[in-house]
Every structure is written in structure tokens, then in C-alpha cells.
């Protein structure tokens, strides 16, 4: 009962505008908000879940949803998060002294435990990226771009926006001649590296810590006829010894950990040739440094951290690199996640067959809460262009978005590039809540 009353007071304090109904485990129903907007009605199935969410909502709301201890009678988890974040103006912690206390304790633990050693980094990556490839085929584009797309035109679908992202990055890398030696740190399933090889005749080395990604990216390179030109390695970037004309890193920096930023940029500086260009594409936050969401850190991306610019820039400066351009992509990831979640929900039954209902709920919460964070909280994407010399890139930004579209030599894409998602057609279904 204590947890129920505490939770009700907490929610009433946060939600002033909206139409929220909560049915507690004892059958008591309360209405919260001013009644405006679409209704959201959630029901707690146990008093234990009520207490858990009351005392640590950042972690336990997601866990209770994942475990089926919370169900939605109206609306869904995304609509609930929208109501919470818009009422709290993005900063839920500041609305409650108790939540502030929990957050401070989490910060202390984060500073003590946030060490991504070589062994731990590999384990963290395998936790997420070595899930069944069939899972990712359910919601990613055929190229398996698992990072923020670039919606240069709002009418773009996911496939078009992911291609636009690769072109946008290529333009910032200044792919102005053939046979450039390129390093892709965190090469994923190989899409970015193969794009640079195919469109610009680049010689690409890609490194990943995921067995699944390593196997598939090399298979794609063979099928597309790039085996001698694109080399994907199961290797930590810290163990590389070569130097490169271009370095690209998309969606990997979030896994580095704050204590290793200096190591990361020092290593990149050592690997980048004197006239080289680097493009870092990373999720960031426009507020000051904060710990990673506890649910995401525990269940989705262990060892992950979303940096602020104030954390990134000092290590870049100390490494002797020059920041030649910074672009902030606002809402692009929210739209990307919206597309991913829509596809995942359409293929719920297939995902359930691969894992189970609990996994599907976990993944739904992950995608919904991530979209909410980019849409109503402080998350965005930074694209930071780096070099050793100020004259390594043109004086104006006119080249961005242009030379990424004009290939020096475009090889025909073969089998793997033409493959469509191997999933059943999307079918209507009753949403699981």
C-alpha cells in the first residue's frame, strides 16, 4: 500500500496535462491529468511492481513492462513516455527529490564502475550485436544500417534515408580520389565500408567485436566481389597498427566509455595520416553529462554511455586533432526509431518465435524509450569532422551533401546488396501490451 500511494503522488506531481488512468493491483482506479489528449490507461498486476516503479522508475518501469507486470488498456508505452516527458519538459529527475537522490547514487556508481577494458568491451558488444541476425532483419533496412538515418527529405522511407546517411558521411570524408585507405571503426554488418568501396574504389579496413557482424560483413564482401579490397576484422581498434587516409566511425563511440575517450582520440590521431580526414558519428546529449538510462545500460547496451560535447571536445584537443566541422542531427534518430519500432511491431510474432514474449516486450520498450528520448528529451546525433590540418577540408561547407552523391567509380552491386528482407509480409495483428 505504501508503494501504491507513493507512486500515485509521484505521478500526480509529474503529470499535470494529459489523460492518464492507472488501475492498481488492488483494483483502485485513479485518473491523473486534466483529461486532455488521447487516453492512456495502464494496469499494475502486482503490488510488488507498484513499489518497484515508485522507488526506481528509471529502471523498473521498463523491467515491469518487460515482465508483463504492467499492461496497457488504452494507449501504449510510447504514449505514456510522451506524456511523462512533455509534462516534465524532458527532465523527469528534477521533478522529484527522491528521483534526484536515486540519480545521484547512480552517478557515483557510474564513475566507479565505468571501465571498458579490452575483454569487457568485447563482452558488451556481443551482448547486443550477437543476437540472431534474423532479429535485425525484422526491422532494419536490407543493408542493416543500425544507426541514425538521414531524412534529408521528410518523404523518404527508411531505405532512402539510410542511403542518404551513407552519402552524407562520404561527402564529409572528402572521398576525392580513388584508392584512399579507409578505416571503419565499428564496421557493423559492413554497409558503410562496402558503400565506400563500391562508390569510391576505396580500400577499406573494418573492425568489429561482434562475431555475427564479422561473419556477415566478410560474407557480403565476398559475394559483392570486394574480398581483396575490403577487409573486415574481428579486432579492437586499440590493437591496430596501420595508418589511414580516412577514418569513419558510426554508432561505435557510444560504447567507448568516458574513461577511454583520451585513448580513443589519441589512437585515432596516431592512425590518421597528416592530410587525412575523420568523421565521427555518435549519439550525444545537449545537456550536461548524465549516466546512461539504467534500463538501457542493464538490458540493451551494457558499458554504453551517451556523451555530451563537453566530454568529447577536451580529449580531441589533447590528442592534437582539429575540429573542422560539427553538425547536429535533430529528430533524425527519432524518425529512424519510429520506423524501426513500426516494423518490429509488425513482426512481433516472428520475433517471439526467435526468442519469447518477454524479449519482445524488452525490445519494444527499448525502441519506444529511445524514440521518446530523441523526440522529447535531450538526445541528438553529433557528426564531428576531424583532421590534423586546418586545410584538410574546403573553406566552405558547400561540398557537404554533394560529393557523397558523385561516385568516382560505381561497381555494380551484386547478390548481397540486392537482397531484400527475409521476413514474411507485414500483417495486421493485435498489439501486445
Protein backbone atom coordinates (compact mmCIF):
# COMPACT_ATOMS: atom_id res chain seq x y z
CA UNK A 1 0.00 0.00 0.00
CA UNK A 2 2.89 2.37 0.78
CA UNK A 3 4.30 1.86 -2.71
CA UNK A 4 0.88 2.46 -4.28
CA UNK A 5 0.31 5.76 -2.52
CA UNK A 6 3.89 6.92 -3.11
CA UNK A 7 3.61 6.07 -6.81
CA UNK A 8 0.29 7.90 -7.13
CA UNK A 9 1.73 11.05 -5.50
CA UNK A 10 4.81 10.89 -7.72
CA UNK A 11 2.77 10.54 -10.91
CA UNK A 12 0.32 13.27 -9.91
CA UNK A 13 3.27 15.56 -9.26
CA UNK A 14 4.66 14.94 -12.75
CA UNK A 15 1.50 14.68 -14.88
CA UNK A 16 -0.49 17.91 -14.94
CA UNK A 17 -1.60 17.82 -18.59
CA UNK A 18 -2.96 14.69 -20.24
CA UNK A 19 -5.42 11.88 -19.81
CA UNK A 20 -3.86 9.13 -17.71
CA UNK A 21 -5.68 6.37 -15.85
CA UNK A 22 -3.90 3.92 -13.54
CA UNK A 23 -5.58 0.79 -12.21
CA UNK A 24 -3.62 -0.53 -9.25
CA UNK A 25 -3.29 -4.19 -8.29
CA UNK A 26 -5.96 -3.83 -5.58
CA UNK A 27 -8.47 -2.65 -8.17
CA UNK A 28 -8.35 1.04 -7.24
CA UNK A 29 -8.55 3.24 -10.34
CA UNK A 30 -7.25 6.83 -10.42
CA UNK A 31 -7.45 9.48 -13.12
CA UNK A 32 -4.49 11.86 -13.45
CA UNK A 33 -4.05 14.99 -15.55
CA UNK A 34 -6.54 17.46 -16.98
CA UNK A 35 -8.28 14.91 -19.23
CA UNK A 36 -6.92 16.38 -22.45
CA UNK A 37 -5.44 14.38 -25.30
CA UNK A 38 -5.63 10.68 -26.14
CA UNK A 39 -6.25 8.38 -23.18
CA UNK A 40 -3.53 6.22 -21.68
CA UNK A 41 -4.67 3.53 -19.24
CA UNK A 42 -2.21 1.17 -17.59
CA UNK A 43 -2.86 -1.55 -15.08
CA UNK A 44 -0.46 -2.94 -12.50
CA UNK A 45 -0.78 -6.66 -11.94
CA UNK A 46 1.06 -6.78 -8.60
CA UNK A 47 1.81 -4.54 -5.65
CA UNK A 48 5.48 -5.52 -5.99
CA UNK A 49 5.55 -3.87 -9.42
CA UNK A 50 3.95 -0.74 -7.99
CA UNK A 51 6.62 -0.46 -5.28
CA UNK A 52 9.42 -1.11 -7.75
CA UNK A 53 8.29 1.59 -10.18
CA UNK A 54 7.64 4.04 -7.34
CA UNK A 55 11.15 3.82 -5.93
CA UNK A 56 13.18 3.47 -9.16
CA UNK A 57 11.07 4.30 -12.23
CA UNK A 58 14.12 4.79 -14.48
CA UNK A 59 14.90 1.08 -14.26
CA UNK A 60 11.74 -0.60 -13.04
CA UNK A 61 9.13 0.86 -15.40
CA UNK A 62 10.87 -0.90 -18.27
CA UNK A 63 11.51 -4.09 -16.32
CA UNK A 64 7.91 -4.36 -15.12
CA UNK A 65 6.65 -3.78 -18.65
CA UNK A 66 9.12 -6.38 -19.92
CA UNK A 67 7.99 -8.92 -17.30
CA UNK A 68 4.31 -8.38 -18.08
CA UNK A 69 3.55 -6.82 -14.67
CA UNK A 70 2.21 -3.72 -16.46
CA UNK A 71 -0.34 -3.86 -19.25
CA UNK A 72 -1.94 -1.10 -21.30
CA UNK A 73 -5.71 -1.00 -21.67
CA UNK A 74 -5.52 2.23 -23.70
CA UNK A 75 -2.50 3.69 -25.46
CA UNK A 76 0.94 2.14 -25.26
CA UNK A 77 4.36 2.62 -23.69
CA UNK A 78 5.36 5.34 -26.16
CA UNK A 79 2.22 7.38 -25.43
CA UNK A 80 2.91 7.08 -21.70
CA UNK A 81 6.50 8.27 -22.11
CA UNK A 82 5.37 11.16 -24.29
CA UNK A 83 3.01 12.28 -21.54
CA UNK A 84 5.69 11.99 -18.86
CA UNK A 85 8.45 13.74 -20.80
CA UNK A 86 6.33 16.58 -22.18
CA UNK A 87 4.94 17.33 -18.71
CA UNK A 88 8.42 17.22 -17.17
CA UNK A 89 9.86 19.21 -20.11
CA UNK A 90 12.29 16.35 -20.68
CA UNK A 91 13.81 16.36 -17.19
CA UNK A 92 11.84 13.90 -15.06
CA UNK A 93 14.58 13.73 -12.39
CA UNK A 94 14.20 17.40 -11.48
CA UNK A 95 10.51 16.88 -10.65
CA UNK A 96 11.18 14.83 -7.50
CA UNK A 97 13.67 14.99 -4.60
CA UNK A 98 13.53 11.18 -4.38
CA UNK A 99 14.39 10.73 -8.05
CA UNK A 100 17.22 13.26 -7.62
CA UNK A 101 18.62 11.14 -4.78
CA UNK A 102 18.41 7.94 -6.86
CA UNK A 103 20.14 9.67 -9.77
CA UNK A 104 22.99 10.93 -7.57
CA UNK A 105 23.60 7.44 -6.23
CA UNK A 106 23.64 6.14 -9.81
CA UNK A 107 26.21 8.78 -10.83
CA UNK A 108 28.56 7.68 -8.03
CA UNK A 109 28.34 4.03 -9.08
CA UNK A 110 28.80 5.01 -12.72
CA UNK A 111 32.07 6.87 -12.05
CA UNK A 112 33.45 3.93 -10.07
CA UNK A 113 32.43 1.10 -12.41
CA UNK A 114 32.67 2.59 -15.91
CA UNK A 115 35.75 0.77 -17.24
CA UNK A 116 35.58 -0.77 -20.72
CA UNK A 117 38.67 -2.96 -20.85
CA UNK A 118 39.52 -4.95 -23.97
CA UNK A 119 37.78 -8.04 -22.58
CA UNK A 120 34.79 -6.15 -21.20
CA UNK A 121 34.31 -4.20 -24.44
CA UNK A 122 34.07 -7.43 -26.41
CA UNK A 123 31.61 -8.92 -23.93
CA UNK A 124 29.45 -5.78 -24.03
CA UNK A 125 29.31 -5.77 -27.83
CA UNK A 126 28.46 -9.48 -28.00
CA UNK A 127 25.57 -8.95 -25.55
CA UNK A 128 23.70 -6.90 -28.13
CA UNK A 129 25.14 -7.42 -31.59
CA UNK A 130 25.49 -11.20 -31.47
CA UNK A 131 21.76 -11.71 -31.22
CA UNK A 132 20.24 -13.65 -34.10
CA UNK A 133 20.72 -11.91 -37.42
CA UNK A 134 17.13 -12.85 -38.20
CA UNK A 135 16.03 -10.43 -35.45
CA UNK A 136 17.71 -7.47 -37.12
CA UNK A 137 16.21 -8.43 -40.48
CA UNK A 138 12.79 -7.87 -38.94
CA UNK A 139 13.21 -4.12 -38.54
CA UNK A 140 16.40 -2.81 -40.21
CA UNK A 141 16.80 -1.88 -43.88
CA UNK A 142 18.34 -4.56 -46.17
CA UNK A 143 21.81 -3.03 -45.73
CA UNK A 144 21.42 -3.46 -41.95
CA UNK A 145 22.25 0.13 -41.10
CA UNK A 146 21.85 0.11 -37.32
CA UNK A 147 22.38 3.82 -36.72
CA UNK A 148 20.62 7.13 -37.30
CA UNK A 149 19.32 7.60 -40.82
CA UNK A 150 19.42 10.98 -42.55
CA UNK A 151 15.99 12.24 -43.62
CA UNK A 152 17.12 15.00 -45.97
CA UNK A 153 13.58 14.87 -47.36
CA UNK A 154 10.70 14.16 -44.91
CA UNK A 155 9.01 11.94 -47.51
CA UNK A 156 11.92 9.47 -47.51
CA UNK A 157 11.34 5.92 -46.37
CA UNK A 158 13.88 4.15 -44.15
CA UNK A 159 15.85 2.65 -47.04
CA UNK A 160 16.22 6.01 -48.78
CA UNK A 161 17.19 7.78 -45.56
CA UNK A 162 19.86 5.21 -44.71
CA UNK A 163 21.38 5.58 -48.17
CA UNK A 164 21.29 9.37 -47.70
CA UNK A 165 23.15 8.89 -44.40
CA UNK A 166 25.95 6.97 -46.10
CA UNK A 167 26.19 9.59 -48.84
CA UNK A 168 26.21 12.42 -46.30
CA UNK A 169 29.05 10.82 -44.36
CA UNK A 170 31.00 10.07 -47.53
CA UNK A 171 30.77 13.72 -48.53
CA UNK A 172 32.30 14.78 -45.22
CA UNK A 173 35.12 12.27 -45.63
CA UNK A 174 36.19 14.09 -48.83
CA UNK A 175 36.42 10.96 -50.96
CA UNK A 176 38.16 12.96 -53.69
CA UNK A 177 40.33 10.25 -55.26
CA UNK A 178 40.41 6.51 -55.76
CA UNK A 179 42.33 4.00 -53.64
CA UNK A 180 42.01 6.00 -50.44
CA UNK A 181 42.86 3.83 -47.46
CA UNK A 182 39.88 3.94 -45.11
CA UNK A 183 39.37 2.62 -41.58
CA UNK A 184 35.83 1.94 -40.35
CA UNK A 185 35.84 1.67 -36.54
CA UNK A 186 32.81 -0.33 -35.51
CA UNK A 187 32.04 -1.56 -39.01
CA UNK A 188 28.81 -3.37 -38.14
CA UNK A 189 27.45 -5.59 -40.90
CA UNK A 190 29.70 -3.90 -43.45
CA UNK A 191 27.30 -1.49 -45.14
CA UNK A 192 29.34 1.69 -44.75
CA UNK A 193 32.63 0.10 -45.75
CA UNK A 194 31.13 -1.60 -48.79
CA UNK A 195 29.47 1.67 -49.84
CA UNK A 196 32.84 3.48 -49.80
CA UNK A 197 34.49 0.65 -51.72
CA UNK A 198 31.72 0.40 -54.29
CA UNK A 199 31.18 4.12 -54.90
CA UNK A 200 34.72 5.47 -54.47
CA UNK A 201 37.01 2.49 -55.08
CA UNK A 202 38.34 2.87 -51.54
CA UNK A 203 40.48 0.24 -49.82
CA UNK A 204 38.62 -0.37 -46.57
CA UNK A 205 39.55 -1.97 -43.27
CA UNK A 206 36.64 -2.50 -40.90
CA UNK A 207 36.89 -3.62 -37.27
CA UNK A 208 34.15 -5.04 -35.07
CA UNK A 209 33.97 -7.00 -31.82
CA UNK A 210 30.84 -8.90 -32.85
CA UNK A 211 31.24 -12.45 -34.19
CA UNK A 212 27.92 -12.19 -36.00
CA UNK A 213 28.85 -8.91 -37.71
CA UNK A 214 32.33 -10.13 -38.56
CA UNK A 215 30.99 -13.26 -40.27
CA UNK A 216 28.25 -11.49 -42.21
CA UNK A 217 30.33 -8.50 -43.33
CA UNK A 218 33.03 -10.76 -44.77
CA UNK A 219 30.39 -12.89 -46.47
CA UNK A 220 28.93 -9.74 -48.04
CA UNK A 221 32.38 -8.61 -49.19
CA UNK A 222 32.95 -11.97 -50.90
CA UNK A 223 29.53 -12.01 -52.55
CA UNK A 224 29.92 -8.47 -53.83
CA UNK A 225 33.39 -9.09 -55.23
CA UNK A 226 35.33 -6.95 -52.74
CA UNK A 227 37.32 -9.63 -50.89
CA UNK A 228 40.68 -8.18 -51.88
CA UNK A 229 39.60 -4.59 -51.36
CA UNK A 230 37.56 -4.66 -48.14
CA UNK A 231 39.00 -6.37 -45.07
CA UNK A 232 36.72 -6.82 -42.07
CA UNK A 233 38.50 -7.91 -38.90
CA UNK A 234 37.38 -9.23 -35.51
CA UNK A 235 39.61 -6.78 -33.66
CA UNK A 236 39.58 -3.97 -31.11
CA UNK A 237 40.61 -0.66 -32.70
CA UNK A 238 43.20 -0.25 -29.93
CA UNK A 239 45.16 -3.15 -31.42
CA UNK A 240 45.50 -1.66 -34.90
CA UNK A 241 48.96 -0.54 -36.07
CA UNK A 242 48.37 0.80 -39.62
CA UNK A 243 47.73 4.38 -40.73
CA UNK A 244 44.86 5.57 -42.93
CA UNK A 245 43.81 8.40 -45.25
CA UNK A 246 40.29 8.43 -43.87
CA UNK A 247 38.71 7.19 -40.64
CA UNK A 248 34.96 6.80 -40.15
CA UNK A 249 33.16 5.66 -37.02
CA UNK A 250 29.37 5.39 -36.99
CA UNK A 251 27.49 4.45 -33.82
CA UNK A 252 30.53 2.97 -32.08
CA UNK A 253 31.69 5.84 -29.86
CA UNK A 254 28.73 5.34 -27.52
CA UNK A 255 30.42 2.08 -26.43
CA UNK A 256 33.85 3.57 -25.67
CA UNK A 257 33.15 4.80 -22.11
CA UNK A 258 34.19 8.17 -20.71
CA UNK A 259 37.37 6.86 -19.11
CA UNK A 260 38.63 5.79 -22.54
CA UNK A 261 37.94 8.94 -24.57
CA UNK A 262 41.57 10.03 -24.40
CA UNK A 263 42.70 6.57 -25.55
CA UNK A 264 40.21 6.65 -28.43
CA UNK A 265 41.21 10.04 -29.83
CA UNK A 266 44.93 9.53 -29.22
CA UNK A 267 44.73 6.28 -31.17
CA UNK A 268 42.72 7.89 -33.98
CA UNK A 269 45.25 10.74 -34.19
CA UNK A 270 48.08 8.22 -34.46
CA UNK A 271 46.29 6.24 -37.20
CA UNK A 272 45.18 9.24 -39.28
CA UNK A 273 47.66 10.36 -41.93
CA UNK A 274 48.85 14.01 -41.79
CA UNK A 275 46.49 15.12 -44.60
CA UNK A 276 43.70 12.73 -43.54
CA UNK A 277 40.07 13.35 -42.56
CA UNK A 278 37.97 11.60 -39.91
CA UNK A 279 34.21 11.62 -39.41
CA UNK A 280 32.76 10.62 -36.02
CA UNK A 281 29.01 9.96 -35.97
CA UNK A 282 27.72 9.47 -32.44
CA UNK A 283 24.61 9.85 -30.33
CA UNK A 284 25.05 12.79 -27.94
CA UNK A 285 23.14 14.88 -25.45
CA UNK A 286 22.78 18.64 -25.48
CA UNK A 287 22.57 18.82 -21.69
CA UNK A 288 25.47 18.24 -19.31
CA UNK A 289 26.91 14.77 -18.71
CA UNK A 290 24.49 12.25 -17.19
CA UNK A 291 24.62 8.48 -16.65
CA UNK A 292 23.09 6.18 -19.23
CA UNK A 293 19.46 5.24 -18.70
CA UNK A 294 19.63 2.30 -16.25
CA UNK A 295 17.28 0.05 -18.24
CA UNK A 296 19.28 0.55 -21.45
CA UNK A 297 22.57 0.03 -19.64
CA UNK A 298 21.45 -3.17 -17.91
CA UNK A 299 19.46 -4.89 -20.64
CA UNK A 300 20.43 -3.41 -24.02
CA UNK A 301 23.86 -1.73 -24.13
CA UNK A 302 25.99 -2.65 -21.11
CA UNK A 303 29.01 -0.38 -20.93
CA UNK A 304 27.34 2.24 -23.10
CA UNK A 305 27.36 5.97 -22.45
CA UNK A 306 25.83 8.91 -24.33
CA UNK A 307 28.38 11.74 -24.34
CA UNK A 308 27.90 15.48 -24.25
CA UNK A 309 30.14 17.75 -26.31
CA UNK A 310 31.78 18.97 -23.12
CA UNK A 311 33.03 15.41 -22.55
CA UNK A 312 34.19 14.82 -26.11
CA UNK A 313 35.99 18.03 -27.03
CA UNK A 314 38.73 18.10 -24.33
CA UNK A 315 40.03 14.68 -25.43
CA UNK A 316 40.03 15.78 -29.09
CA UNK A 317 42.04 18.88 -28.20
CA UNK A 318 44.56 16.96 -26.12
CA UNK A 319 45.02 14.45 -28.96
CA UNK A 320 46.12 17.28 -31.23
CA UNK A 321 43.24 16.90 -33.67
CA UNK A 322 41.46 19.85 -35.28
CA UNK A 323 37.66 20.04 -35.29
CA UNK A 324 36.84 21.12 -38.83
CA UNK A 325 33.05 20.75 -38.68
CA UNK A 326 30.28 19.79 -36.26
CA UNK A 327 26.73 19.07 -37.40
CA UNK A 328 23.86 18.30 -35.06
CA UNK A 329 21.17 15.99 -36.43
CA UNK A 330 17.94 16.78 -34.57
CA UNK A 331 14.97 14.39 -34.71
CA UNK A 332 16.55 12.22 -37.42
CA UNK A 333 17.06 9.41 -34.93
CA UNK A 334 13.53 9.80 -33.58
CA UNK A 335 12.22 9.20 -37.10
CA UNK A 336 14.62 6.28 -37.57
CA UNK A 337 13.45 4.65 -34.34
CA UNK A 338 9.82 5.26 -35.24
CA UNK A 339 10.37 3.29 -38.46
CA UNK A 340 12.26 0.51 -36.66
CA UNK A 341 9.60 0.13 -33.97
CA UNK A 342 6.77 0.09 -36.52
CA UNK A 343 8.49 -2.74 -38.40
CA UNK A 344 9.29 -4.62 -35.21
CA UNK A 345 5.67 -4.44 -34.04
CA UNK A 346 4.53 -5.70 -37.44
CA UNK A 347 6.83 -8.72 -37.00
CA UNK A 348 6.15 -9.36 -33.30
CA UNK A 349 5.21 -12.98 -33.84
CA UNK A 350 8.41 -13.71 -35.77
CA UNK A 351 10.49 -12.09 -33.03
CA UNK A 352 8.59 -14.08 -30.41
CA UNK A 353 9.36 -17.28 -32.31
CA UNK A 354 13.07 -16.36 -32.24
CA UNK A 355 13.07 -15.53 -28.51
CA UNK A 356 9.93 -15.11 -26.38
CA UNK A 357 7.24 -12.65 -25.32
CA UNK A 358 9.42 -11.16 -22.59
CA UNK A 359 12.17 -10.40 -25.11
CA UNK A 360 9.64 -8.72 -27.41
CA UNK A 361 8.43 -6.51 -24.59
CA UNK A 362 12.01 -5.64 -23.70
CA UNK A 363 12.76 -4.71 -27.31
CA UNK A 364 9.55 -2.69 -27.60
CA UNK A 365 10.45 -0.70 -24.50
CA UNK A 366 13.98 -0.16 -25.80
CA UNK A 367 12.78 1.21 -29.15
CA UNK A 368 9.94 3.26 -27.65
CA UNK A 369 12.01 4.80 -24.86
CA UNK A 370 14.82 5.58 -27.30
CA UNK A 371 12.44 7.34 -29.68
CA UNK A 372 10.99 9.27 -26.76
CA UNK A 373 14.46 10.34 -25.65
CA UNK A 374 15.28 11.77 -29.08
CA UNK A 375 11.86 13.35 -29.53
CA UNK A 376 11.12 14.78 -26.08
CA UNK A 377 14.34 14.66 -24.07
CA UNK A 378 17.91 15.80 -24.74
CA UNK A 379 19.31 13.26 -27.18
CA UNK A 380 20.55 14.13 -30.67
CA UNK A 381 23.31 13.00 -33.04
CA UNK A 382 26.69 14.69 -33.49
CA UNK A 383 28.72 14.40 -36.67
CA UNK A 384 32.20 15.67 -35.84
CA UNK A 385 34.72 16.09 -38.65
CA UNK A 386 38.36 15.93 -37.58
CA UNK A 387 41.77 16.40 -39.18
CA UNK A 388 45.39 17.14 -38.33
CA UNK A 389 45.46 20.24 -40.51
CA UNK A 390 43.01 23.11 -40.91
CA UNK A 391 43.39 23.00 -44.70
CA UNK A 392 42.47 19.31 -44.97
CA UNK A 393 38.89 20.24 -45.91
CA UNK A 394 37.44 23.06 -48.06
CA UNK A 395 36.93 26.52 -46.55
CA UNK A 396 33.14 26.48 -47.02
CA UNK A 397 30.58 23.77 -46.36
CA UNK A 398 29.17 23.75 -49.90
CA UNK A 399 30.78 20.38 -50.63
CA UNK A 400 28.76 18.61 -47.93
CA UNK A 401 25.89 16.70 -49.46
CA UNK A 402 27.36 16.96 -52.96
CA UNK A 403 30.46 14.84 -53.42
CA UNK A 404 28.91 11.96 -51.48
CA UNK A 405 26.48 11.55 -54.38
CA UNK A 406 29.01 11.55 -57.22
CA UNK A 407 30.97 8.27 -57.43
CA UNK A 408 34.42 8.07 -58.96
CA UNK A 409 33.67 4.51 -59.97
CA UNK A 410 30.48 2.72 -59.08
CA UNK A 411 30.76 -1.06 -59.18
CA UNK A 412 27.58 -2.93 -59.76
CA UNK A 413 26.08 -4.20 -56.57
CA UNK A 414 25.82 -7.97 -56.57
CA UNK A 415 23.91 -10.58 -54.63
CA UNK A 416 24.11 -9.35 -51.04
CA UNK A 417 23.47 -5.71 -51.88
CA UNK A 418 20.28 -6.67 -53.72
CA UNK A 419 18.86 -8.95 -51.05
CA UNK A 420 15.53 -7.95 -49.59
CA UNK A 421 14.50 -8.51 -46.01
CA UNK A 422 13.85 -12.21 -45.49
CA UNK A 423 10.71 -11.72 -43.48
CA UNK A 424 7.09 -12.52 -44.05
CA UNK A 425 4.91 -9.63 -45.27
CA UNK A 426 3.81 -7.29 -42.50
CA UNK A 427 0.47 -8.45 -41.21
CA UNK A 428 -2.21 -6.92 -39.13
CA UNK A 429 -2.15 -8.04 -35.57
CA UNK A 430 -3.40 -7.26 -32.11
CA UNK A 431 -0.67 -5.24 -30.41
CA UNK A 432 0.78 -6.85 -27.33
CA UNK A 433 0.91 -4.62 -24.27
